[in-house]
PDB file of N, CA and C in Angstrom:
ATOM      1  N   MET A   1     -27.447 107.391   8.874  1.00  0.00           N
ATOM      2  CA  MET A   1     -27.567 108.625   9.485  1.00  0.00           C
ATOM      3  C   MET A   1     -26.321 109.347   9.832  1.00  0.00           C
ATOM      4  N   LYS A   2     -26.262 110.625   9.650  1.00  0.00           N
ATOM      5  CA  LYS A   2     -25.079 111.395   9.836  1.00  0.00           C
ATOM      6  C   LYS A   2     -24.893 111.494  11.323  1.00  0.00           C
ATOM      7  N   THR A   3     -23.651 111.595  11.800  1.00  0.00           N
ATOM      8  CA  THR A   3     -23.220 111.582  13.161  1.00  0.00           C
ATOM      9  C   THR A   3     -23.902 113.009  13.838  1.00  0.00           C
ATOM     10  N   SER A   4     -24.177 114.053  13.088  1.00  0.00           N
ATOM     11  CA  SER A   4     -24.622 115.345  13.523  1.00  0.00           C
ATOM     12  C   SER A   4     -25.995 114.925  13.914  1.00  0.00           C
ATOM     13  N   SER A   5     -26.720 114.210  13.125  1.00  0.00           N
ATOM     14  CA  SER A   5     -28.209 113.984  13.339  1.00  0.00           C
ATOM     15  C   SER A   5     -28.208 112.928  14.549  1.00  0.00           C
ATOM     16  N   ALA A   6     -27.492 111.967  14.553  1.00  0.00           N
ATOM     17  CA  ALA A   6     -27.566 111.105  15.826  1.00  0.00           C
ATOM     18  C   ALA A   6     -27.181 111.791  17.027  1.00  0.00           C
ATOM     19  N   LYS A   7     -26.324 112.973  17.131  1.00  0.00           N
ATOM     20  CA  LYS A   7     -25.975 113.513  18.305  1.00  0.00           C
ATOM     21  C   LYS A   7     -27.212 114.330  18.547  1.00  0.00           C
ATOM     22  N   ALA A   8     -27.914 115.179  17.586  1.00  0.00           N
ATOM     23  CA  ALA A   8     -29.085 115.923  17.931  1.00  0.00           C
ATOM     24  C   ALA A   8     -29.999 115.145  18.626  1.00  0.00           C
ATOM     25  N   LYS A   9     -30.515 113.875  18.165  1.00  0.00           N
ATOM     26  CA  LYS A   9     -31.385 113.035  18.611  1.00  0.00           C
ATOM     27  C   LYS A   9     -31.158 112.822  20.118  1.00  0.00           C
ATOM     28  N   GLY A  10     -29.855 112.479  20.309  1.00  0.00           N
ATOM     29  CA  GLY A  10     -29.485 112.220  21.868  1.00  0.00           C
ATOM     30  C   GLY A  10     -29.660 113.394  22.545  1.00  0.00           C
ATOM     31  N   ARG A  11     -29.223 114.666  22.262  1.00  0.00           N
ATOM     32  CA  ARG A  11     -29.581 115.784  22.777  1.00  0.00           C
ATOM     33  C   ARG A  11     -30.850 115.952  23.338  1.00  0.00           C
ATOM     34  N   ARG A  12     -31.801 115.772  22.127  1.00  0.00           N
ATOM     35  CA  ARG A  12     -33.273 116.027  22.480  1.00  0.00           C
ATOM     36  C   ARG A  12     -33.779 115.183  23.656  1.00  0.00           C
ATOM     37  N   LEU A  13     -33.222 114.106  23.638  1.00  0.00           N
ATOM     38  CA  LEU A  13     -33.498 113.205  24.821  1.00  0.00           C
ATOM     39  C   LEU A  13     -33.090 113.520  26.103  1.00  0.00           C
ATOM     40  N   GLN A  14     -31.836 114.055  25.995  1.00  0.00           N
ATOM     41  CA  GLN A  14     -31.228 114.463  27.271  1.00  0.00           C
ATOM     42  C   GLN A  14     -32.048 115.829  27.857  1.00  0.00           C
ATOM     43  N   ASP A  15     -32.359 116.633  26.939  1.00  0.00           N
ATOM     44  CA  ASP A  15     -33.198 117.906  27.222  1.00  0.00           C
ATOM     45  C   ASP A  15     -34.454 117.664  27.734  1.00  0.00           C
ATOM     46  N   TRP A  16     -35.263 116.364  27.353  1.00  0.00           N
ATOM     47  CA  TRP A  16     -36.386 116.022  27.686  1.00  0.00           C
ATOM     48  C   TRP A  16     -36.371 115.525  29.155  1.00  0.00           C
ATOM     49  N   VAL A  17     -35.396 114.653  29.358  1.00  0.00           N
ATOM     50  CA  VAL A  17     -35.112 114.196  30.933  1.00  0.00           C
ATOM     51  C   VAL A  17     -35.059 115.499  31.750  1.00  0.00           C
ATOM     52  N   ARG A  18     -34.109 116.273  31.473  1.00  0.00           N
ATOM     53  CA  ARG A  18     -33.795 117.463  32.164  1.00  0.00           C
ATOM     54  C   ARG A  18     -35.032 118.232  32.626  1.00  0.00           C
ATOM     55  N   ASP A  19     -35.714 118.394  31.477  1.00  0.00           N
ATOM     56  CA  ASP A  19     -37.189 119.366  31.657  1.00  0.00           C
ATOM     57  C   ASP A  19     -38.074 118.459  32.461  1.00  0.00           C
ATOM     58  N   GLN A  20     -38.126 117.033  32.523  1.00  0.00           N
ATOM     59  CA  GLN A  20     -38.854 116.415  33.415  1.00  0.00           C
ATOM     60  C   GLN A  20     -38.519 116.580  34.761  1.00  0.00           C
ATOM     61  N   ILE A  21     -37.188 116.534  35.058  1.00  0.00           N
ATOM     62  CA  ILE A  21     -36.707 116.759  36.542  1.00  0.00           C
ATOM     63  C   ILE A  21     -37.021 118.168  36.980  1.00  0.00           C
ATOM     64  N   LEU A  22     -36.894 119.091  35.971  1.00  0.00           N
ATOM     65  CA  LEU A  22     -37.148 120.569  36.633  1.00  0.00           C
ATOM     66  C   LEU A  22     -38.719 120.424  36.879  1.00  0.00           C
ATOM     67  N   THR A  23     -39.468 119.965  35.968  1.00  0.00           N
ATOM     68  CA  THR A  23     -40.891 119.960  36.287  1.00  0.00           C
ATOM     69  C   THR A  23     -41.328 119.530  37.509  1.00  0.00           C
ATOM     70  N   LEU A  24     -40.734 118.359  37.869  1.00  0.00           N
ATOM     71  CA  LEU A  24     -41.084 117.622  39.038  1.00  0.00           C
ATOM     72  C   LEU A  24     -40.548 118.176  40.330  1.00  0.00           C
ATOM     73  N   PHE A  25     -39.467 118.801  40.217  1.00  0.00           N
ATOM     74  CA  PHE A  25     -38.879 119.466  41.215  1.00  0.00           C
ATOM     75  C   PHE A  25     -38.752 121.148  41.013  1.00  0.00           C
ATOM     76  N   PRO A  26     -39.586 121.877  41.235  1.00  0.00           N
ATOM     77  CA  PRO A  26     -39.579 123.139  40.785  1.00  0.00           C
ATOM     78  C   PRO A  26     -38.643 124.108  41.433  1.00  0.00           C
ATOM     79  N   ALA A  27     -38.042 123.517  42.799  1.00  0.00           N
ATOM     80  CA  ALA A  27     -37.100 124.372  43.534  1.00  0.00           C
ATOM     81  C   ALA A  27     -35.687 124.181  42.850  1.00  0.00           C
ATOM     82  N   LEU A  28     -35.545 123.170  41.869  1.00  0.00           N
ATOM     83  CA  LEU A  28     -34.262 123.141  41.297  1.00  0.00           C
ATOM     84  C   LEU A  28     -34.212 124.100  40.169  1.00  0.00           C
ATOM     85  N   VAL A  29     -32.799 124.639  39.647  1.00  0.00           N
ATOM     86  CA  VAL A  29     -32.750 125.695  38.957  1.00  0.00           C
ATOM     87  C   VAL A  29     -31.935 125.210  37.616  1.00  0.00           C
ATOM     88  N   LEU A  30     -32.471 125.490  36.439  1.00  0.00           N
ATOM     89  CA  LEU A  30     -31.803 125.123  35.122  1.00  0.00           C
ATOM     90  C   LEU A  30     -30.433 125.647  35.038  1.00  0.00           C
ATOM     91  N   ASP A  31     -29.654 124.698  34.698  1.00  0.00           N
ATOM     92  CA  ASP A  31     -28.103 125.032  34.407  1.00  0.00           C
ATOM     93  C   ASP A  31     -27.453 125.278  35.756  1.00  0.00           C
ATOM     94  N   VAL A  32     -28.143 125.370  36.914  1.00  0.00           N
ATOM     95  CA  VAL A  32     -27.398 125.461  38.304  1.00  0.00           C
ATOM     96  C   VAL A  32     -27.430 124.128  39.010  1.00  0.00           C
ATOM     97  N   ASP A  33     -28.633 123.620  39.110  1.00  0.00           N
ATOM     98  CA  ASP A  33     -28.835 122.200  39.717  1.00  0.00           C
ATOM     99  C   ASP A  33     -28.988 120.937  38.760  1.00  0.00           C
ATOM    100  N   VAL A  34     -29.395 121.230  37.389  1.00  0.00           N
ATOM    101  CA  VAL A  34     -29.773 120.314  36.455  1.00  0.00           C
ATOM    102  C   VAL A  34     -29.447 120.977  35.251  1.00  0.00           C
ATOM    103  N   ARG A  35     -28.340 120.119  34.413  1.00  0.00           N
ATOM    104  CA  ARG A  35     -28.073 120.669  33.120  1.00  0.00           C
ATOM    105  C   ARG A  35     -27.577 119.318  32.377  1.00  0.00           C
ATOM    106  N   CYS A  36     -27.566 119.464  30.917  1.00  0.00           N
ATOM    107  CA  CYS A  36     -27.332 118.406  30.003  1.00  0.00           C
ATOM    108  C   CYS A  36     -25.649 118.512  29.804  1.00  0.00           C
ATOM    109  N   ALA A  37     -25.135 117.370  29.758  1.00  0.00           N
ATOM    110  CA  ALA A  37     -23.653 117.139  29.724  1.00  0.00           C
ATOM    111  C   ALA A  37     -23.644 117.779  28.110  1.00  0.00           C
ATOM    112  N   ILE A  38     -22.301 118.236  27.799  1.00  0.00           N
ATOM    113  CA  ILE A  38     -21.863 118.438  26.595  1.00  0.00           C
ATOM    114  C   ILE A  38     -21.397 117.271  25.917  1.00  0.00           C
ATOM    115  N   MET A  39     -21.711 117.209  24.546  1.00  0.00           N
ATOM    116  CA  MET A  39     -21.433 115.748  23.946  1.00  0.00           C
ATOM    117  C   MET A  39     -19.949 115.536  24.086  1.00  0.00           C
ATOM    118  N   GLY A  40     -19.772 114.372  24.482  1.00  0.00           N
ATOM    119  CA  GLY A  40     -18.257 114.055  24.538  1.00  0.00           C
ATOM    120  C   GLY A  40     -17.906 114.324  26.058  1.00  0.00           C
ATOM    121  N   GLU A  41     -18.473 114.953  26.906  1.00  0.00           N
ATOM    122  CA  GLU A  41     -18.213 115.011  28.340  1.00  0.00           C
ATOM    123  C   GLU A  41     -18.318 113.663  29.052  1.00  0.00           C
ATOM    124  N   GLY A  42     -17.519 113.382  29.933  1.00  0.00           N
ATOM    125  CA  GLY A  42     -17.684 112.305  30.636  1.00  0.00           C
ATOM    126  C   GLY A  42     -18.663 112.188  31.746  1.00  0.00           C
ATOM    127  N   GLY A  43     -18.942 111.272  32.168  1.00  0.00           N
ATOM    128  CA  GLY A  43     -20.076 110.905  33.362  1.00  0.00           C
ATOM    129  C   GLY A  43     -21.404 110.905  32.865  1.00  0.00           C
ATOM    130  N   ALA A  44     -22.287 111.348  33.764  1.00  0.00           N
ATOM    131  CA  ALA A  44     -23.790 111.253  33.572  1.00  0.00           C
ATOM    132  C   ALA A  44     -24.188 112.207  32.312  1.00  0.00           C
ATOM    133  N   ASP A  45     -24.995 111.754  31.654  1.00  0.00           N
ATOM    134  CA  ASP A  45     -25.638 112.406  30.490  1.00  0.00           C
ATOM    135  C   ASP A  45     -26.510 113.727  30.958  1.00  0.00           C
ATOM    136  N   VAL A  46     -27.042 113.718  32.178  1.00  0.00           N
ATOM    137  CA  VAL A  46     -27.849 114.817  32.883  1.00  0.00           C
ATOM    138  C   VAL A  46     -27.102 114.993  34.153  1.00  0.00           C
ATOM    139  N   LYS A  47     -26.361 116.142  34.396  1.00  0.00           N
ATOM    140  CA  LYS A  47     -25.681 116.626  35.574  1.00  0.00           C
ATOM    141  C   LYS A  47     -26.477 117.045  36.556  1.00  0.00           C
ATOM    142  N   LEU A  48     -26.170 116.670  37.678  1.00  0.00           N
ATOM    143  CA  LEU A  48     -27.112 117.253  38.917  1.00  0.00           C
ATOM    144  C   LEU A  48     -26.055 117.662  40.026  1.00  0.00           C
ATOM    145  N   SER A  49     -26.538 118.916  40.598  1.00  0.00           N
ATOM    146  CA  SER A  49     -25.886 119.358  41.660  1.00  0.00           C
ATOM    147  C   SER A  49     -26.251 118.565  42.822  1.00  0.00           C
ATOM    148  N   PRO A  50     -25.426 118.835  44.009  1.00  0.00           N
ATOM    149  CA  PRO A  50     -25.647 117.929  45.207  1.00  0.00           C
ATOM    150  C   PRO A  50     -27.120 118.311  45.834  1.00  0.00           C
ATOM    151  N   LYS A  51     -27.635 119.474  45.541  1.00  0.00           N
ATOM    152  CA  LYS A  51     -29.007 119.600  46.002  1.00  0.00           C
ATOM    153  C   LYS A  51     -29.967 118.894  45.162  1.00  0.00           C
ATOM    154  N   ALA A  52     -29.639 118.847  43.879  1.00  0.00           N
ATOM    155  CA  ALA A  52     -30.665 117.857  42.746  1.00  0.00           C
ATOM    156  C   ALA A  52     -30.333 116.528  43.161  1.00  0.00           C
ATOM    157  N   LYS A  53     -29.169 115.985  43.539  1.00  0.00           N
ATOM    158  CA  LYS A  53     -29.023 114.700  43.797  1.00  0.00           C
ATOM    159  C   LYS A  53     -29.698 114.217  45.170  1.00  0.00           C
ATOM    160  N   ASN A  54     -30.042 115.253  45.997  1.00  0.00           N
ATOM    161  CA  ASN A  54     -30.662 114.958  47.375  1.00  0.00           C
ATOM    162  C   ASN A  54     -32.114 114.644  47.117  1.00  0.00           C
ATOM    163  N   VAL A  55     -32.536 115.087  46.063  1.00  0.00           N
ATOM    164  CA  VAL A  55     -34.039 114.834  45.750  1.00  0.00           C
ATOM    165  C   VAL A  55     -34.199 113.990  44.677  1.00  0.00           C
ATOM    166  N   PHE A  56     -33.260 113.712  43.907  1.00  0.00           N
ATOM    167  CA  PHE A  56     -33.421 112.788  42.693  1.00  0.00           C
ATOM    168  C   PHE A  56     -31.942 111.975  42.465  1.00  0.00           C
ATOM    169  N   PRO A  57     -31.852 111.059  43.436  1.00  0.00           N
ATOM    170  CA  PRO A  57     -30.520 110.158  43.509  1.00  0.00           C
ATOM    171  C   PRO A  57     -30.375 109.224  42.257  1.00  0.00           C
ATOM    172  N   PHE A  58     -30.212 109.706  41.295  1.00  0.00           N
ATOM    173  CA  PHE A  58     -29.919 108.860  39.995  1.00  0.00           C
ATOM    174  C   PHE A  58     -28.897 109.425  39.171  1.00  0.00           C
ATOM    175  N   ASP A  59     -28.179 108.550  38.623  1.00  0.00           N
ATOM    176  CA  ASP A  59     -27.200 108.786  37.567  1.00  0.00           C
ATOM    177  C   ASP A  59     -27.771 108.466  36.157  1.00  0.00           C
ATOM    178  N   ILE A  60     -27.936 109.339  35.305  1.00  0.00           N
ATOM    179  CA  ILE A  60     -28.605 109.309  34.176  1.00  0.00           C
ATOM    180  C   ILE A  60     -27.792 108.963  32.848  1.00  0.00           C
ATOM    181  N   GLU A  61     -28.167 108.088  32.060  1.00  0.00           N
ATOM    182  CA  GLU A  61     -27.600 107.821  30.730  1.00  0.00           C
ATOM    183  C   GLU A  61     -28.627 107.701  29.800  1.00  0.00           C
ATOM    184  N   CYS A  62     -28.396 108.437  28.770  1.00  0.00           N
ATOM    185  CA  CYS A  62     -29.577 108.519  27.727  1.00  0.00           C
ATOM    186  C   CYS A  62     -29.092 107.905  26.510  1.00  0.00           C
ATOM    187  N   LYS A  63     -30.003 107.160  25.899  1.00  0.00           N
ATOM    188  CA  LYS A  63     -29.440 106.638  24.672  1.00  0.00           C
ATOM    189  C   LYS A  63     -30.843 106.535  23.758  1.00  0.00           C
ATOM    190  N   TYR A  64     -30.602 107.033  22.487  1.00  0.00           N
ATOM    191  CA  TYR A  64     -31.626 107.217  21.377  1.00  0.00           C
ATOM    192  C   TYR A  64     -31.138 106.229  20.429  1.00  0.00           C
ATOM    193  N   GLN A  65     -31.584 105.075  20.311  1.00  0.00           N
ATOM    194  CA  GLN A  65     -31.003 104.345  19.139  1.00  0.00           C
ATOM    195  C   GLN A  65     -32.048 103.127  18.786  1.00  0.00           C
ATOM    196  N   GLU A  66     -31.927 102.814  17.453  1.00  0.00           N
ATOM    197  CA  GLU A  66     -32.940 101.878  17.076  1.00  0.00           C
ATOM    198  C   GLU A  66     -32.622 100.445  17.316  1.00  0.00           C
ATOM    199  N   LYS A  67     -31.304 100.113  17.931  1.00  0.00           N
ATOM    200  CA  LYS A  67     -31.111  98.571  18.104  1.00  0.00           C
ATOM    201  C   LYS A  67     -31.921  98.132  19.411  1.00  0.00           C
ATOM    202  N   TYR A  68     -32.679  98.962  20.175  1.00  0.00           N
ATOM    203  CA  TYR A  68     -33.458  98.583  21.315  1.00  0.00           C
ATOM    204  C   TYR A  68     -34.843  97.990  20.935  1.00  0.00           C
ATOM    205  N   LYS A  69     -35.049  97.738  19.579  1.00  0.00           N
ATOM    206  CA  LYS A  69     -36.608  97.363  19.138  1.00  0.00           C
ATOM    207  C   LYS A  69     -36.957  96.093  19.964  1.00  0.00           C
ATOM    208  N   GLY A  70     -36.047  94.999  20.251  1.00  0.00           N
ATOM    209  CA  GLY A  70     -36.529  94.051  21.124  1.00  0.00           C
ATOM    210  C   GLY A  70     -36.990  94.321  22.424  1.00  0.00           C
ATOM    211  N   LEU A  71     -36.541  95.493  23.052  1.00  0.00           N
ATOM    212  CA  LEU A  71     -36.942  95.915  24.177  1.00  0.00           C
ATOM    213  C   LEU A  71     -38.354  96.279  24.176  1.00  0.00           C
ATOM    214  N   TYR A  72     -38.596  97.136  23.179  1.00  0.00           N
ATOM    215  CA  TYR A  72     -39.895  97.710  22.806  1.00  0.00           C
ATOM    216  C   TYR A  72     -40.814  96.601  22.520  1.00  0.00           C
ATOM    217  N   ASN A  73     -40.482  95.565  21.878  1.00  0.00           N
ATOM    218  CA  ASN A  73     -41.386  94.249  21.624  1.00  0.00           C
ATOM    219  C   ASN A  73     -41.613  93.726  22.793  1.00  0.00           C
ATOM    220  N   THR A  74     -40.783  93.383  23.725  1.00  0.00           N
ATOM    221  CA  THR A  74     -41.062  92.978  25.076  1.00  0.00           C
ATOM    222  C   THR A  74     -41.820  93.703  25.812  1.00  0.00           C
ATOM    223  N   MET A  75     -41.828  95.033  25.739  1.00  0.00           N
ATOM    224  CA  MET A  75     -42.666  95.867  26.527  1.00  0.00           C
ATOM    225  C   MET A  75     -44.084  95.734  26.085  1.00  0.00           C
ATOM    226  N   ALA A  76     -44.232  95.666  24.894  1.00  0.00           N
ATOM    227  CA  ALA A  76     -45.555  95.485  24.065  1.00  0.00           C
ATOM    228  C   ALA A  76     -46.278  94.291  24.657  1.00  0.00           C
ATOM    229  N   GLN A  77     -45.416  93.207  24.938  1.00  0.00           N
ATOM    230  CA  GLN A  77     -45.896  91.825  25.255  1.00  0.00           C
ATOM    231  C   GLN A  77     -46.343  92.003  26.741  1.00  0.00           C
ATOM    232  N   ALA A  78     -45.633  92.728  27.456  1.00  0.00           N
ATOM    233  CA  ALA A  78     -45.993  93.013  28.859  1.00  0.00           C
ATOM    234  C   ALA A  78     -47.299  93.786  28.971  1.00  0.00           C
ATOM    235  N   GLU A  79     -47.524  94.786  27.995  1.00  0.00           N
ATOM    236  CA  GLU A  79     -48.627  95.567  27.977  1.00  0.00           C
ATOM    237  C   GLU A  79     -49.917  94.793  27.717  1.00  0.00           C
ATOM    238  N   ALA A  80     -49.723  93.730  26.853  1.00  0.00           N
ATOM    239  CA  ALA A  80     -51.020  92.857  26.441  1.00  0.00           C
ATOM    240  C   ALA A  80     -51.433  92.138  27.607  1.00  0.00           C
ATOM    241  N   HIS A  81     -50.729  91.922  28.600  1.00  0.00           N
ATOM    242  CA  HIS A  81     -51.165  90.886  29.588  1.00  0.00           C
ATOM    243  C   HIS A  81     -52.472  91.398  30.501  1.00  0.00           C
ATOM    244  N   GLY A  82     -52.652  92.769  30.551  1.00  0.00           N
ATOM    245  CA  GLY A  82     -53.749  93.280  31.135  1.00  0.00           C
ATOM    246  C   GLY A  82     -53.893  94.797  31.301  1.00  0.00           C
ATOM    247  N   PHE A  83     -54.304  95.112  32.502  1.00  0.00           N
ATOM    248  CA  PHE A  83     -54.624  96.621  32.598  1.00  0.00           C
ATOM    249  C   PHE A  83     -53.643  97.165  33.708  1.00  0.00           C
ATOM    250  N   ASN A  84     -52.830  96.586  34.332  1.00  0.00           N
ATOM    251  CA  ASN A  84     -51.820  97.148  35.269  1.00  0.00           C
ATOM    252  C   ASN A  84     -50.789  97.698  34.438  1.00  0.00           C
ATOM    253  N   ARG A  85     -49.838  98.343  35.391  1.00  0.00           N
ATOM    254  CA  ARG A  85     -48.604  98.953  34.768  1.00  0.00           C
ATOM    255  C   ARG A  85     -47.680  97.755  34.209  1.00  0.00           C
ATOM    256  N   PRO A  86     -47.172  97.895  32.796  1.00  0.00           N
ATOM    257  CA  PRO A  86     -46.373  96.717  32.579  1.00  0.00           C
ATOM    258  C   PRO A  86     -44.972  97.245  33.094  1.00  0.00           C
ATOM    259  N   LEU A  87     -44.143  95.920  33.523  1.00  0.00           N
ATOM    260  CA  LEU A  87     -42.964  96.029  34.012  1.00  0.00           C
ATOM    261  C   LEU A  87     -42.102  94.735  33.409  1.00  0.00           C
ATOM    262  N   VAL A  88     -41.078  95.075  32.875  1.00  0.00           N
ATOM    263  CA  VAL A  88     -40.150  94.013  32.166  1.00  0.00           C
ATOM    264  C   VAL A  88     -39.008  93.840  32.960  1.00  0.00           C
ATOM    265  N   PHE A  89     -38.699  92.580  33.393  1.00  0.00           N
ATOM    266  CA  PHE A  89     -37.186  92.334  33.987  1.00  0.00           C
ATOM    267  C   PHE A  89     -36.284  91.777  32.882  1.00  0.00           C
ATOM    268  N   ILE A  90     -35.034  92.351  32.671  1.00  0.00           N
ATOM    269  CA  ILE A  90     -34.250  91.762  31.782  1.00  0.00           C
ATOM    270  C   ILE A  90     -33.004  91.346  32.402  1.00  0.00           C
ATOM    271  N   LYS A  91     -32.282  90.442  31.854  1.00  0.00           N
ATOM    272  CA  LYS A  91     -30.978  89.774  32.352  1.00  0.00           C
ATOM    273  C   LYS A  91     -30.259  89.238  31.348  1.00  0.00           C
ATOM    274  N   MET A  92     -28.918  89.470  31.437  1.00  0.00           N
ATOM    275  CA  MET A  92     -27.947  88.611  30.694  1.00  0.00           C
ATOM    276  C   MET A  92     -26.995  88.000  31.395  1.00  0.00           C
ATOM    277  N   ASN A  93     -26.391  87.023  30.962  1.00  0.00           N
ATOM    278  CA  ASN A  93     -25.277  86.168  31.758  1.00  0.00           C
ATOM    279  C   ASN A  93     -24.200  87.068  32.454  1.00  0.00           C
ATOM    280  N   ARG A  94     -23.958  86.917  33.593  1.00  0.00           N
ATOM    281  CA  ARG A  94     -23.053  87.590  34.389  1.00  0.00           C
ATOM    282  C   ARG A  94     -23.265  89.211  34.478  1.00  0.00           C
ATOM    283  N   ARG A  95     -24.635  89.423  34.447  1.00  0.00           N
ATOM    284  CA  ARG A  95     -25.068  90.925  34.569  1.00  0.00           C
ATOM    285  C   ARG A  95     -26.125  90.823  35.527  1.00  0.00           C
ATOM    286  N   ASP A  96     -26.334  91.981  36.232  1.00  0.00           N
ATOM    287  CA  ASP A  96     -27.447  92.000  37.005  1.00  0.00           C
ATOM    288  C   ASP A  96     -28.721  92.323  36.374  1.00  0.00           C
ATOM    289  N   PRO A  97     -29.847  91.793  36.901  1.00  0.00           N
ATOM    290  CA  PRO A  97     -31.099  92.192  36.389  1.00  0.00           C
ATOM    291  C   PRO A  97     -31.505  93.665  36.131  1.00  0.00           C
ATOM    292  N   LEU A  98     -32.120  93.965  34.992  1.00  0.00           N
ATOM    293  CA  LEU A  98     -32.591  95.430  35.056  1.00  0.00           C
ATOM    294  C   LEU A  98     -34.180  95.450  34.880  1.00  0.00           C
ATOM    295  N   VAL A  99     -34.566  96.595  35.307  1.00  0.00           N
ATOM    296  CA  VAL A  99     -36.204  96.843  35.039  1.00  0.00           C
ATOM    297  C   VAL A  99     -36.382  97.726  34.052  1.00  0.00           C
ATOM    298  N   LEU A 100     -37.397  97.467  33.131  1.00  0.00           N
ATOM    299  CA  LEU A 100     -37.860  98.348  32.251  1.00  0.00           C
ATOM    300  C   LEU A 100     -39.330  98.749  32.327  1.00  0.00           C
ATOM    301  N   MET A 101     -39.602  99.936  32.288  1.00  0.00           N
ATOM    302  CA  MET A 101     -40.823 100.532  32.563  1.00  0.00           C
ATOM    303  C   MET A 101     -41.007 101.994  31.582  1.00  0.00           C
ATOM    304  N   ARG A 102     -42.158 102.285  31.367  1.00  0.00           N
ATOM    305  CA  ARG A 102     -42.426 103.438  30.508  1.00  0.00           C
ATOM    306  C   ARG A 102     -41.807 104.615  31.547  1.00  0.00           C
ATOM    307  N   ALA A 103     -41.336 105.438  30.850  1.00  0.00           N
ATOM    308  CA  ALA A 103     -41.019 106.765  31.279  1.00  0.00           C
ATOM    309  C   ALA A 103     -42.066 107.514  32.240  1.00  0.00           C
ATOM    310  N   GLU A 104     -43.324 107.619  31.647  1.00  0.00           N
ATOM    311  CA  GLU A 104     -44.402 108.123  32.469  1.00  0.00           C
ATOM    312  C   GLU A 104     -44.644 107.502  33.782  1.00  0.00           C
ATOM    313  N   THR A 105     -44.490 106.248  33.749  1.00  0.00           N
ATOM    314  CA  THR A 105     -44.649 105.503  34.988  1.00  0.00           C
ATOM    315  C   THR A 105     -43.552 105.845  36.029  1.00  0.00           C
ATOM    316  N   PHE A 106     -42.321 105.879  35.378  1.00  0.00           N
ATOM    317  CA  PHE A 106     -41.312 106.219  36.508  1.00  0.00           C
ATOM    318  C   PHE A 106     -41.374 107.548  37.033  1.00  0.00           C
ATOM    319  N   TRP A 107     -41.678 108.643  35.927  1.00  0.00           N
ATOM    320  CA  TRP A 107     -41.983 110.108  36.627  1.00  0.00           C
ATOM    321  C   TRP A 107     -42.999 109.904  37.674  1.00  0.00           C
ATOM    322  N   GLY A 108     -44.091 109.181  37.406  1.00  0.00           N
ATOM    323  CA  GLY A 108     -45.233 109.125  38.447  1.00  0.00           C
ATOM    324  C   GLY A 108     -44.718 108.602  39.570  1.00  0.00           C
ATOM    325  N   LEU A 109     -43.913 107.577  39.718  1.00  0.00           N
ATOM    326  CA  LEU A 109     -43.302 107.062  40.829  1.00  0.00           C
ATOM    327  C   LEU A 109     -42.527 107.969  41.744  1.00  0.00           C
ATOM    328  N   ILE A 110     -41.663 108.693  40.820  1.00  0.00           N
ATOM    329  CA  ILE A 110     -40.784 109.793  41.575  1.00  0.00           C
ATOM    330  C   ILE A 110     -41.694 110.741  42.059  1.00  0.00           C
ATOM    331  N   ASN A 111     -42.769 111.119  41.527  1.00  0.00           N
ATOM    332  CA  ASN A 111     -43.748 112.139  41.851  1.00  0.00           C
ATOM    333  C   ASN A 111     -44.732 111.782  42.886  1.00  0.00           C
ATOM    334  N   HIS A 112     -44.607 110.360  43.438  1.00  0.00           N
ATOM    335  CA  HIS A 112     -45.268 109.911  44.345  1.00  0.00           C
ATOM    336  C   HIS A 112     -46.851 109.959  44.019  1.00  0.00           C
ATOM    337  N   GLU A 113     -47.161 109.508  42.761  1.00  0.00           N
ATOM    338  CA  GLU A 113     -48.605 109.532  42.342  1.00  0.00           C
ATOM    339  C   GLU A 113     -48.998 108.073  42.700  1.00  0.00           C
TER     340      GLU A 113
END
């Protein structure tokens, strides 16, 4: 894959995350409170103003890569367990545990559904 294609995929994911935040918090303003980082810019991939951080206190990193296939397979295994929302805990040596869930579940939790 060309570098430009890979960057375009990453940009689409950042745009999607930005749009989800703006949809859930209509008081936030595009490019004032929530904006996507320019490729190569340091820090979070979706930049939040202090106002936005007040309602959405997360630092966002977006990765659109095929090397996460194993995580998707693990999520499929969790989905096969039943009818509840699947949740996967992952851990590596000398690293803190992480939680993996579907984006729709996350946005629902943030939206207090």
